[in-house]
Structures are given as C-alpha cells and as structure tokens.
All heavy atoms as atom14 arrays in JSON, in Angstrom:
{
  "sequence": "FSGYAMGWFRQAPGKEREFVAAISWNGVVKYYVDSVRGRFTISRDNA",
  "atom14_mask": [
    [1, 1, 1, 1, 1, 1, 1, 1, 1, 1, 1, 0, 0, 0],
    [1, 1, 1, 1, 1, 1, 0, 0, 0, 0, 0, 0, 0, 0],
    [1, 1, 1, 1, 0, 0, 0, 0, 0, 0, 0, 0, 0, 0],
    [1, 1, 1, 1, 1, 1, 1, 1, 1, 1, 1, 1, 0, 0],
    [1, 1, 1, 1, 1, 0, 0, 0, 0, 0, 0, 0, 0, 0],
    [1, 1, 1, 1, 1, 1, 1, 1, 0, 0, 0, 0, 0, 0],
    [1, 1, 1, 1, 0, 0, 0, 0, 0, 0, 0, 0, 0, 0],
    [1, 1, 1, 1, 1, 1, 1, 1, 1, 1, 1, 1, 1, 1],
    [1, 1, 1, 1, 1, 1, 1, 1, 1, 1, 1, 0, 0, 0],
    [1, 1, 1, 1, 1, 1, 1, 1, 1, 1, 1, 0, 0, 0],
    [1, 1, 1, 1, 1, 1, 1, 1, 1, 0, 0, 0, 0, 0],
    [1, 1, 1, 1, 1, 0, 0, 0, 0, 0, 0, 0, 0, 0],
    [1, 1, 1, 1, 1, 1, 1, 0, 0, 0, 0, 0, 0, 0],
    [1, 1, 1, 1, 0, 0, 0, 0, 0, 0, 0, 0, 0, 0],
    [1, 1, 1, 1, 1, 1, 1, 1, 1, 0, 0, 0, 0, 0],
    [1, 1, 1, 1, 1, 1, 1, 1, 1, 0, 0, 0, 0, 0],
    [1, 1, 1, 1, 1, 1, 1, 1, 1, 1, 1, 0, 0, 0],
    [1, 1, 1, 1, 1, 1, 1, 1, 1, 0, 0, 0, 0, 0],
    [1, 1, 1, 1, 1, 1, 1, 1, 1, 1, 1, 0, 0, 0],
    [1, 1, 1, 1, 1, 1, 1, 0, 0, 0, 0, 0, 0, 0],
    [1, 1, 1, 1, 1, 0, 0, 0, 0, 0, 0, 0, 0, 0],
    [1, 1, 1, 1, 1, 0, 0, 0, 0, 0, 0, 0, 0, 0],
    [1, 1, 1, 1, 1, 1, 1, 1, 0, 0, 0, 0, 0, 0],
    [1, 1, 1, 1, 1, 1, 0, 0, 0, 0, 0, 0, 0, 0],
    [1, 1, 1, 1, 1, 1, 1, 1, 1, 1, 1, 1, 1, 1],
    [1, 1, 1, 1, 1, 1, 1, 1, 0, 0, 0, 0, 0, 0],
    [1, 1, 1, 1, 0, 0, 0, 0, 0, 0, 0, 0, 0, 0],
    [1, 1, 1, 1, 1, 1, 1, 0, 0, 0, 0, 0, 0, 0],
    [1, 1, 1, 1, 1, 1, 1, 0, 0, 0, 0, 0, 0, 0],
    [1, 1, 1, 1, 1, 1, 1, 1, 1, 0, 0, 0, 0, 0],
    [1, 1, 1, 1, 1, 1, 1, 1, 1, 1, 1, 1, 0, 0],
    [1, 1, 1, 1, 1, 1, 1, 1, 1, 1, 1, 1, 0, 0],
    [1, 1, 1, 1, 1, 1, 1, 0, 0, 0, 0, 0, 0, 0],
    [1, 1, 1, 1, 1, 1, 1, 1, 0, 0, 0, 0, 0, 0],
    [1, 1, 1, 1, 1, 1, 0, 0, 0, 0, 0, 0, 0, 0],
    [1, 1, 1, 1, 1, 1, 1, 0, 0, 0, 0, 0, 0, 0],
    [1, 1, 1, 1, 1, 1, 1, 1, 1, 1, 1, 0, 0, 0],
    [1, 1, 1, 1, 0, 0, 0, 0, 0, 0, 0, 0, 0, 0],
    [1, 1, 1, 1, 1, 1, 1, 1, 1, 1, 1, 0, 0, 0],
    [1, 1, 1, 1, 1, 1, 1, 1, 1, 1, 1, 0, 0, 0],
    [1, 1, 1, 1, 1, 1, 1, 0, 0, 0, 0, 0, 0, 0],
    [1, 1, 1, 1, 1, 1, 1, 1, 0, 0, 0, 0, 0, 0],
    [1, 1, 1, 1, 1, 1, 0, 0, 0, 0, 0, 0, 0, 0],
    [1, 1, 1, 1, 1, 1, 1, 1, 1, 1, 1, 0, 0, 0],
    [1, 1, 1, 1, 1, 1, 1, 1, 0, 0, 0, 0, 0, 0],
    [1, 1, 1, 1, 1, 1, 1, 1, 0, 0, 0, 0, 0, 0],
    [1, 1, 1, 1, 1, 0, 0, 0, 0, 0, 0, 0, 0, 0]
  ],
  "atom14_positions": [
    [[0.29, 25.53, 24.38], [-0.4, 25.0, 23.17], [0.64, 24.34, 22.24], [0.38, 23.3, 21.61], [-1.1, 26.15, 22.4], [-1.63, 25.74, 21.11], [-2.83, 24.99, 21.0], [-1.03, 26.12, 19.92], [-3.35, 24.59, 19.81], [-1.56, 25.72, 18.67], [-2.7, 24.98, 18.61], [0.0, 0.0, 0.0], [0.0, 0.0, 0.0], [0.0, 0.0, 0.0]],
    [[1.8, 24.92, 22.15], [2.85, 24.36, 21.22], [3.33, 23.0, 21.73], [3.98, 22.33, 20.95], [4.03, 25.33, 21.14], [4.64, 25.5, 22.48], [0.0, 0.0, 0.0], [0.0, 0.0, 0.0], [0.0, 0.0, 0.0], [0.0, 0.0, 0.0], [0.0, 0.0, 0.0], [0.0, 0.0, 0.0], [0.0, 0.0, 0.0], [0.0, 0.0, 0.0]],
    [[2.98, 22.62, 22.92], [3.35, 21.27, 23.4], [2.37, 20.18, 23.04], [2.49, 19.09, 23.55], [0.0, 0.0, 0.0], [0.0, 0.0, 0.0], [0.0, 0.0, 0.0], [0.0, 0.0, 0.0], [0.0, 0.0, 0.0], [0.0, 0.0, 0.0], [0.0, 0.0, 0.0], [0.0, 0.0, 0.0], [0.0, 0.0, 0.0], [0.0, 0.0, 0.0]],
    [[1.39, 20.45, 22.23], [0.33, 19.54, 21.85], [0.39, 19.16, 20.39], [0.61, 20.0, 19.55], [-1.04, 20.08, 22.17], [-1.3, 20.16, 23.6], [-1.07, 21.33, 24.39], [-1.97, 19.11, 24.28], [-1.36, 21.46, 25.64], [-2.26, 19.2, 25.63], [-1.94, 20.39, 26.29], [-2.22, 20.48, 27.66], [0.0, 0.0, 0.0], [0.0, 0.0, 0.0]],
    [[0.28, 17.9, 20.17], [-0.09, 17.39, 18.85], [-1.6, 17.64, 18.63], [-2.37, 17.58, 19.59], [0.16, 15.9, 18.66], [0.0, 0.0, 0.0], [0.0, 0.0, 0.0], [0.0, 0.0, 0.0], [0.0, 0.0, 0.0], [0.0, 0.0, 0.0], [0.0, 0.0, 0.0], [0.0, 0.0, 0.0], [0.0, 0.0, 0.0], [0.0, 0.0, 0.0]],
    [[-2.01, 17.98, 17.38], [-3.32, 18.34, 17.07], [-3.87, 17.47, 15.92], [-3.12, 17.11, 15.07], [-3.46, 19.81, 16.69], [-2.9, 20.79, 17.75], [-3.97, 20.76, 19.25], [-5.49, 21.34, 18.64], [0.0, 0.0, 0.0], [0.0, 0.0, 0.0], [0.0, 0.0, 0.0], [0.0, 0.0, 0.0], [0.0, 0.0, 0.0], [0.0, 0.0, 0.0]],
    [[-5.18, 17.21, 15.99], [-5.75, 16.36, 14.95], [-7.17, 16.87, 14.63], [-7.82, 17.65, 15.42], [0.0, 0.0, 0.0], [0.0, 0.0, 0.0], [0.0, 0.0, 0.0], [0.0, 0.0, 0.0], [0.0, 0.0, 0.0], [0.0, 0.0, 0.0], [0.0, 0.0, 0.0], [0.0, 0.0, 0.0], [0.0, 0.0, 0.0], [0.0, 0.0, 0.0]],
    [[-7.63, 16.52, 13.47], [-9.01, 16.71, 13.06], [-9.62, 15.3, 12.73], [-9.02, 14.51, 12.11], [-9.09, 17.56, 11.76], [-8.84, 19.0, 11.99], [-7.7, 19.66, 11.82], [-9.79, 19.97, 12.39], [-7.87, 21.03, 12.07], [-9.18, 21.21, 12.49], [-11.13, 19.92, 12.8], [-9.8, 22.4, 12.93], [-11.79, 21.09, 13.2], [-11.12, 22.34, 13.23]],
    [[-10.81, 15.12, 13.24], [-11.63, 13.98, 13.02], [-13.0, 14.31, 12.52], [-13.44, 15.51, 12.67], [-11.75, 13.14, 14.31], [-10.4, 12.58, 14.85], [-9.55, 13.35, 15.45], [-10.16, 11.2, 14.68], [-8.29, 12.86, 15.94], [-8.97, 10.7, 15.14], [-8.04, 11.49, 15.77], [0.0, 0.0, 0.0], [0.0, 0.0, 0.0], [0.0, 0.0, 0.0]],
    [[-13.68, 13.41, 11.97], [-15.05, 13.72, 11.49], [-15.95, 12.47, 11.72], [-15.44, 11.34, 11.81], [-15.03, 14.1, 10.04], [-14.66, 12.96, 9.08], [-14.53, 13.54, 7.62], [-14.13, 12.59, 6.68], [-13.85, 12.77, 5.41], [-13.96, 14.01, 4.92], [-13.55, 11.78, 4.61], [0.0, 0.0, 0.0], [0.0, 0.0, 0.0], [0.0, 0.0, 0.0]],
    [[-17.24, 12.73, 11.83], [-18.21, 11.73, 12.09], [-19.51, 12.04, 11.38], [-20.07, 13.12, 11.64], [-18.45, 11.56, 13.55], [-19.33, 10.34, 13.92], [-19.38, 10.06, 15.35], [-19.14, 10.92, 16.25], [-19.71, 8.8, 15.68], [0.0, 0.0, 0.0], [0.0, 0.0, 0.0], [0.0, 0.0, 0.0], [0.0, 0.0, 0.0], [0.0, 0.0, 0.0]],
    [[-19.93, 11.18, 10.51], [-21.16, 11.33, 9.8], [-22.23, 10.49, 10.6], [-21.93, 9.57, 11.28], [-21.09, 10.84, 8.38], [0.0, 0.0, 0.0], [0.0, 0.0, 0.0], [0.0, 0.0, 0.0], [0.0, 0.0, 0.0], [0.0, 0.0, 0.0], [0.0, 0.0, 0.0], [0.0, 0.0, 0.0], [0.0, 0.0, 0.0], [0.0, 0.0, 0.0]],
    [[-23.55, 10.87, 10.45], [-24.57, 10.1, 11.15], [-24.53, 8.62, 10.81], [-24.43, 8.24, 9.68], [-25.87, 10.8, 10.63], [-25.45, 12.15, 10.29], [-24.06, 12.02, 9.72], [0.0, 0.0, 0.0], [0.0, 0.0, 0.0], [0.0, 0.0, 0.0], [0.0, 0.0, 0.0], [0.0, 0.0, 0.0], [0.0, 0.0, 0.0], [0.0, 0.0, 0.0]],
    [[-24.58, 7.81, 11.86], [-24.59, 6.4, 11.66], [-23.21, 5.77, 11.37], [-23.12, 4.54, 11.12], [0.0, 0.0, 0.0], [0.0, 0.0, 0.0], [0.0, 0.0, 0.0], [0.0, 0.0, 0.0], [0.0, 0.0, 0.0], [0.0, 0.0, 0.0], [0.0, 0.0, 0.0], [0.0, 0.0, 0.0], [0.0, 0.0, 0.0], [0.0, 0.0, 0.0]],
    [[-22.18, 6.58, 11.43], [-20.82, 6.09, 11.11], [-19.89, 6.3, 12.32], [-20.14, 7.16, 13.09], [-20.29, 6.77, 9.87], [-21.04, 6.5, 8.55], [-20.4, 7.13, 7.35], [-21.16, 6.8, 6.06], [-20.53, 7.47, 4.9], [0.0, 0.0, 0.0], [0.0, 0.0, 0.0], [0.0, 0.0, 0.0], [0.0, 0.0, 0.0], [0.0, 0.0, 0.0]],
    [[-18.84, 5.54, 12.28], [-17.77, 5.75, 13.27], [-16.99, 7.05, 13.05], [-16.88, 7.53, 11.9], [-16.81, 4.57, 13.24], [-17.46, 3.22, 13.52], [-17.22, 2.77, 14.91], [-16.12, 3.02, 15.46], [-18.04, 2.11, 15.5], [0.0, 0.0, 0.0], [0.0, 0.0, 0.0], [0.0, 0.0, 0.0], [0.0, 0.0, 0.0], [0.0, 0.0, 0.0]],
    [[-16.57, 7.62, 14.11], [-15.66, 8.76, 13.98], [-14.32, 8.3, 13.35], [-13.76, 7.23, 13.69], [-15.34, 9.4, 15.36], [-14.52, 10.64, 15.29], [-14.38, 11.28, 16.73], [-15.66, 11.76, 17.16], [-15.86, 12.42, 18.29], [-14.84, 12.69, 19.1], [-17.11, 12.76, 18.69], [0.0, 0.0, 0.0], [0.0, 0.0, 0.0], [0.0, 0.0, 0.0]],
    [[-13.85, 9.08, 12.32], [-12.65, 8.72, 11.65], [-11.62, 9.79, 11.68], [-11.93, 10.99, 11.7], [-12.95, 8.36, 10.16], [-13.38, 9.5, 9.32], [-13.44, 9.18, 7.83], [-12.85, 8.16, 7.42], [-14.0, 9.98, 7.06], [0.0, 0.0, 0.0], [0.0, 0.0, 0.0], [0.0, 0.0, 0.0], [0.0, 0.0, 0.0], [0.0, 0.0, 0.0]],
    [[-10.43, 9.37, 11.62], [-9.28, 10.27, 11.55], [-9.25, 11.02, 10.18], [-9.48, 10.41, 9.16], [-7.95, 9.54, 11.74], [-6.72, 10.29, 11.4], [-6.2, 11.19, 12.29], [-6.14, 10.14, 10.14], [-5.05, 11.89, 11.96], [-5.05, 10.82, 9.79], [-4.49, 11.78, 10.74], [0.0, 0.0, 0.0], [0.0, 0.0, 0.0], [0.0, 0.0, 0.0]],
    [[-8.96, 12.27, 10.22], [-8.88, 13.09, 9.0], [-7.46, 13.56, 8.76], [-6.89, 13.4, 7.67], [-9.85, 14.31, 9.0], [-9.69, 15.14, 7.76], [-11.28, 13.79, 9.1], [0.0, 0.0, 0.0], [0.0, 0.0, 0.0], [0.0, 0.0, 0.0], [0.0, 0.0, 0.0], [0.0, 0.0, 0.0], [0.0, 0.0, 0.0], [0.0, 0.0, 0.0]],
    [[-6.91, 14.28, 9.71], [-5.59, 14.9, 9.6], [-4.97, 15.11, 10.93], [-5.68, 15.25, 11.94], [-5.69, 16.22, 8.81], [0.0, 0.0, 0.0], [0.0, 0.0, 0.0], [0.0, 0.0, 0.0], [0.0, 0.0, 0.0], [0.0, 0.0, 0.0], [0.0, 0.0, 0.0], [0.0, 0.0, 0.0], [0.0, 0.0, 0.0], [0.0, 0.0, 0.0]],
    [[-3.64, 15.17, 11.05], [-2.95, 15.45, 12.26], [-1.69, 16.25, 11.93], [-1.13, 16.13, 10.85], [-2.62, 14.2, 13.0], [0.0, 0.0, 0.0], [0.0, 0.0, 0.0], [0.0, 0.0, 0.0], [0.0, 0.0, 0.0], [0.0, 0.0, 0.0], [0.0, 0.0, 0.0], [0.0, 0.0, 0.0], [0.0, 0.0, 0.0], [0.0, 0.0, 0.0]],
    [[-1.21, 16.93, 12.94], [-0.02, 17.79, 12.79], [0.79, 17.74, 14.06], [0.21, 17.7, 15.16], [-0.41, 19.21, 12.49], [0.82, 20.06, 12.09], [-1.23, 19.86, 13.59], [0.44, 21.4, 11.43], [0.0, 0.0, 0.0], [0.0, 0.0, 0.0], [0.0, 0.0, 0.0], [0.0, 0.0, 0.0], [0.0, 0.0, 0.0], [0.0, 0.0, 0.0]],
    [[2.06, 17.6, 13.95], [2.97, 17.46, 15.06], [3.05, 18.82, 15.85], [2.58, 19.87, 15.31], [4.39, 17.06, 14.63], [4.97, 18.02, 13.76], [0.0, 0.0, 0.0], [0.0, 0.0, 0.0], [0.0, 0.0, 0.0], [0.0, 0.0, 0.0], [0.0, 0.0, 0.0], [0.0, 0.0, 0.0], [0.0, 0.0, 0.0], [0.0, 0.0, 0.0]],
    [[3.57, 18.81, 16.99], [3.64, 19.96, 17.88], [4.23, 21.15, 17.23], [3.85, 22.33, 17.57], [4.4, 19.59, 19.15], [5.87, 19.44, 18.85], [6.5, 18.27, 18.38], [6.93, 20.38, 19.07], [7.92, 18.49, 18.26], [8.12, 19.76, 18.66], [6.95, 21.65, 19.46], [9.38, 20.43, 18.67], [8.15, 22.42, 19.52], [9.37, 21.74, 19.11]],
    [[5.23, 20.98, 16.3], [5.88, 22.08, 15.67], [5.44, 22.39, 14.29], [6.04, 23.21, 13.62], [7.41, 21.86, 15.75], [7.82, 20.63, 15.05], [6.98, 19.86, 14.54], [9.11, 20.3, 15.02], [0.0, 0.0, 0.0], [0.0, 0.0, 0.0], [0.0, 0.0, 0.0], [0.0, 0.0, 0.0], [0.0, 0.0, 0.0], [0.0, 0.0, 0.0]],
    [[4.47, 21.56, 13.85], [3.87, 21.82, 12.51], [4.67, 21.2, 11.35], [4.32, 21.35, 10.19], [0.0, 0.0, 0.0], [0.0, 0.0, 0.0], [0.0, 0.0, 0.0], [0.0, 0.0, 0.0], [0.0, 0.0, 0.0], [0.0, 0.0, 0.0], [0.0, 0.0, 0.0], [0.0, 0.0, 0.0], [0.0, 0.0, 0.0], [0.0, 0.0, 0.0]],
    [[5.78, 20.47, 11.69], [6.66, 20.0, 10.64], [6.09, 18.75, 9.99], [6.27, 18.57, 8.76], [8.06, 19.71, 11.25], [8.9, 18.92, 10.25], [8.74, 20.97, 11.68], [0.0, 0.0, 0.0], [0.0, 0.0, 0.0], [0.0, 0.0, 0.0], [0.0, 0.0, 0.0], [0.0, 0.0, 0.0], [0.0, 0.0, 0.0], [0.0, 0.0, 0.0]],
    [[5.43, 17.82, 10.74], [4.98, 16.57, 10.24], [3.46, 16.58, 10.19], [2.82, 16.93, 11.15], [5.5, 15.43, 11.02], [4.92, 14.1, 10.55], [6.99, 15.36, 10.96], [0.0, 0.0, 0.0], [0.0, 0.0, 0.0], [0.0, 0.0, 0.0], [0.0, 0.0, 0.0], [0.0, 0.0, 0.0], [0.0, 0.0, 0.0], [0.0, 0.0, 0.0]],
    [[2.88, 16.18, 9.09], [1.48, 16.11, 8.85], [1.02, 14.71, 8.29], [1.83, 14.17, 7.51], [0.98, 17.22, 7.95], [1.34, 18.61, 8.36], [1.03, 19.59, 7.33], [1.44, 21.0, 7.71], [1.15, 21.99, 6.68], [0.0, 0.0, 0.0], [0.0, 0.0, 0.0], [0.0, 0.0, 0.0], [0.0, 0.0, 0.0], [0.0, 0.0, 0.0]],
    [[-0.11, 14.3, 8.64], [-0.67, 13.04, 8.14], [-2.05, 13.27, 7.81], [-2.81, 14.06, 8.37], [-0.51, 11.9, 9.16], [0.87, 11.42, 9.4], [1.51, 11.86, 10.56], [1.56, 10.7, 8.46], [2.79, 11.44, 10.82], [2.87, 10.33, 8.73], [3.47, 10.67, 9.91], [4.8, 10.31, 10.17], [0.0, 0.0, 0.0], [0.0, 0.0, 0.0]],
    [[-2.54, 12.51, 6.73], [-3.93, 12.6, 6.25], [-4.47, 11.28, 5.97], [-3.71, 10.33, 5.56], [-3.98, 13.47, 4.95], [-3.42, 14.88, 5.09], [-2.1, 15.12, 4.78], [-4.23, 15.9, 5.53], [-1.61, 16.49, 4.93], [-3.77, 17.18, 5.61], [-2.46, 17.47, 5.31], [-1.94, 18.75, 5.46], [0.0, 0.0, 0.0], [0.0, 0.0, 0.0]],
    [[-5.83, 11.16, 6.14], [-6.44, 10.01, 5.67], [-6.46, 10.06, 4.16], [-6.49, 11.13, 3.5], [-7.95, 9.94, 6.2], [-8.79, 10.99, 5.58], [-8.52, 8.57, 5.89], [0.0, 0.0, 0.0], [0.0, 0.0, 0.0], [0.0, 0.0, 0.0], [0.0, 0.0, 0.0], [0.0, 0.0, 0.0], [0.0, 0.0, 0.0], [0.0, 0.0, 0.0]],
    [[-6.38, 8.84, 3.48], [-6.2, 8.81, 2.05], [-7.29, 9.55, 1.27], [-7.02, 10.18, 0.26], [-6.21, 7.33, 1.57], [-4.98, 6.58, 1.97], [-3.97, 7.24, 2.39], [-4.99, 5.32, 1.88], [0.0, 0.0, 0.0], [0.0, 0.0, 0.0], [0.0, 0.0, 0.0], [0.0, 0.0, 0.0], [0.0, 0.0, 0.0], [0.0, 0.0, 0.0]],
    [[-8.52, 9.61, 1.76], [-9.6, 10.16, 1.02], [-9.51, 11.69, 0.92], [-10.2, 12.32, 0.11], [-10.92, 9.76, 1.67], [-11.01, 10.2, 3.0], [0.0, 0.0, 0.0], [0.0, 0.0, 0.0], [0.0, 0.0, 0.0], [0.0, 0.0, 0.0], [0.0, 0.0, 0.0], [0.0, 0.0, 0.0], [0.0, 0.0, 0.0], [0.0, 0.0, 0.0]],
    [[-8.69, 12.33, 1.8], [-8.57, 13.79, 1.75], [-7.17, 14.3, 1.38], [-7.02, 15.45, 1.09], [-8.92, 14.38, 3.08], [-10.25, 13.88, 3.62], [-7.83, 14.22, 4.14], [0.0, 0.0, 0.0], [0.0, 0.0, 0.0], [0.0, 0.0, 0.0], [0.0, 0.0, 0.0], [0.0, 0.0, 0.0], [0.0, 0.0, 0.0], [0.0, 0.0, 0.0]],
    [[-6.28, 13.35, 1.22], [-4.9, 13.78, 0.83], [-4.86, 14.46, -0.51], [-5.46, 13.99, -1.47], [-3.99, 12.55, 0.81], [-2.51, 12.91, 0.65], [-1.65, 11.62, 0.72], [-1.66, 11.04, 2.07], [-2.25, 9.95, 2.37], [-2.73, 9.23, 1.36], [-2.25, 9.47, 3.57], [0.0, 0.0, 0.0], [0.0, 0.0, 0.0], [0.0, 0.0, 0.0]],
    [[-4.23, 15.63, -0.55], [-4.25, 16.43, -1.73], [-5.31, 17.49, -1.79], [-5.22, 18.39, -2.62], [0.0, 0.0, 0.0], [0.0, 0.0, 0.0], [0.0, 0.0, 0.0], [0.0, 0.0, 0.0], [0.0, 0.0, 0.0], [0.0, 0.0, 0.0], [0.0, 0.0, 0.0], [0.0, 0.0, 0.0], [0.0, 0.0, 0.0], [0.0, 0.0, 0.0]],
    [[-6.33, 17.29, -0.97], [-7.45, 18.24, -1.01], [-7.45, 19.02, 0.28], [-7.82, 20.24, 0.25], [-8.78, 17.51, -1.19], [-8.95, 16.81, -2.45], [-10.35, 16.22, -2.62], [-10.74, 15.29, -1.57], [-11.71, 15.46, -0.73], [-12.47, 16.51, -0.8], [-11.98, 14.55, 0.2], [0.0, 0.0, 0.0], [0.0, 0.0, 0.0], [0.0, 0.0, 0.0]],
    [[-7.15, 18.45, 1.39], [-7.17, 19.1, 2.68], [-5.77, 19.42, 3.15], [-4.76, 18.64, 2.84], [-7.77, 18.2, 3.76], [-9.29, 18.01, 3.61], [-9.95, 18.37, 2.47], [-9.96, 17.4, 4.68], [-11.34, 18.12, 2.37], [-11.36, 17.22, 4.57], [-11.99, 17.56, 3.34], [0.0, 0.0, 0.0], [0.0, 0.0, 0.0], [0.0, 0.0, 0.0]],
    [[-5.61, 20.51, 3.89], [-4.27, 20.85, 4.45], [-4.46, 21.25, 5.94], [-5.31, 22.15, 6.22], [-3.62, 22.05, 3.74], [-3.51, 21.72, 2.33], [-2.3, 22.36, 4.29], [0.0, 0.0, 0.0], [0.0, 0.0, 0.0], [0.0, 0.0, 0.0], [0.0, 0.0, 0.0], [0.0, 0.0, 0.0], [0.0, 0.0, 0.0], [0.0, 0.0, 0.0]],
    [[-3.75, 20.61, 6.79], [-3.79, 20.97, 8.23], [-2.58, 21.88, 8.47], [-1.48, 21.66, 7.97], [-3.75, 19.71, 9.16], [-3.95, 20.11, 10.61], [-2.47, 18.93, 8.98], [-4.16, 18.92, 11.49], [0.0, 0.0, 0.0], [0.0, 0.0, 0.0], [0.0, 0.0, 0.0], [0.0, 0.0, 0.0], [0.0, 0.0, 0.0], [0.0, 0.0, 0.0]],
    [[-2.82, 22.89, 9.3], [-1.72, 23.78, 9.65], [-1.98, 24.34, 11.05], [-3.08, 24.12, 11.61], [-1.61, 24.98, 8.65], [-2.81, 25.73, 8.64], [0.0, 0.0, 0.0], [0.0, 0.0, 0.0], [0.0, 0.0, 0.0], [0.0, 0.0, 0.0], [0.0, 0.0, 0.0], [0.0, 0.0, 0.0], [0.0, 0.0, 0.0], [0.0, 0.0, 0.0]],
    [[-0.97, 25.01, 11.65], [-1.21, 25.49, 12.97], [-0.38, 26.83, 13.09], [0.64, 27.03, 12.42], [-0.71, 24.53, 14.07], [0.74, 24.21, 14.08], [0.97, 23.03, 15.05], [0.71, 23.31, 16.39], [0.45, 22.4, 17.35], [0.52, 21.09, 17.04], [0.17, 22.76, 18.55], [0.0, 0.0, 0.0], [0.0, 0.0, 0.0], [0.0, 0.0, 0.0]],
    [[-0.93, 27.73, 13.94], [-0.26, 28.92, 14.31], [-0.18, 28.94, 15.8], [-1.12, 29.24, 16.5], [-1.05, 30.13, 13.75], [-0.36, 31.44, 13.98], [0.56, 31.51, 14.86], [-0.66, 32.45, 13.3], [0.0, 0.0, 0.0], [0.0, 0.0, 0.0], [0.0, 0.0, 0.0], [0.0, 0.0, 0.0], [0.0, 0.0, 0.0], [0.0, 0.0, 0.0]],
    [[1.0, 28.58, 16.3], [1.15, 28.43, 17.74], [1.03, 29.79, 18.48], [0.62, 29.85, 19.6], [2.43, 27.75, 18.1], [2.44, 26.29, 17.78], [1.37, 25.72, 17.48], [3.58, 25.65, 17.79], [0.0, 0.0, 0.0], [0.0, 0.0, 0.0], [0.0, 0.0, 0.0], [0.0, 0.0, 0.0], [0.0, 0.0, 0.0], [0.0, 0.0, 0.0]],
    [[1.43, 30.87, 17.77], [1.28, 32.18, 18.37], [-0.2, 32.58, 18.6], [-0.48, 33.36, 19.49], [2.01, 33.27, 17.51], [0.0, 0.0, 0.0], [0.0, 0.0, 0.0], [0.0, 0.0, 0.0], [0.0, 0.0, 0.0], [0.0, 0.0, 0.0], [0.0, 0.0, 0.0], [0.0, 0.0, 0.0], [0.0, 0.0, 0.0], [0.0, 0.0, 0.0]]
  ]
}
C-alpha cells in the first residue's frame, strides 16, 4: 500500500468526474483542487 499514490475524486449527477485531492506515497506532498483548499485535508496511514 505504501507504494501507491492515492487520490480522491468526486462526481455529481450530470457532471464530469473531477479531481479533489491527492497524496504522495509517503504522505509528504498533497494537492487539492482550488475549491476545497483550506477546507479539506487528505491524509494516509500506511500501517
């Protein structure tokens, strides 16, 4: 599991699936779509 990058996406009815957040394999680097930045937090527990 620790060898995977992970992401969250979302899709509303009638809309395209969009990127929400992603996290690197070791949890160090995170990215967010502008609309959720500051409100959402992605994290991981590899154990």
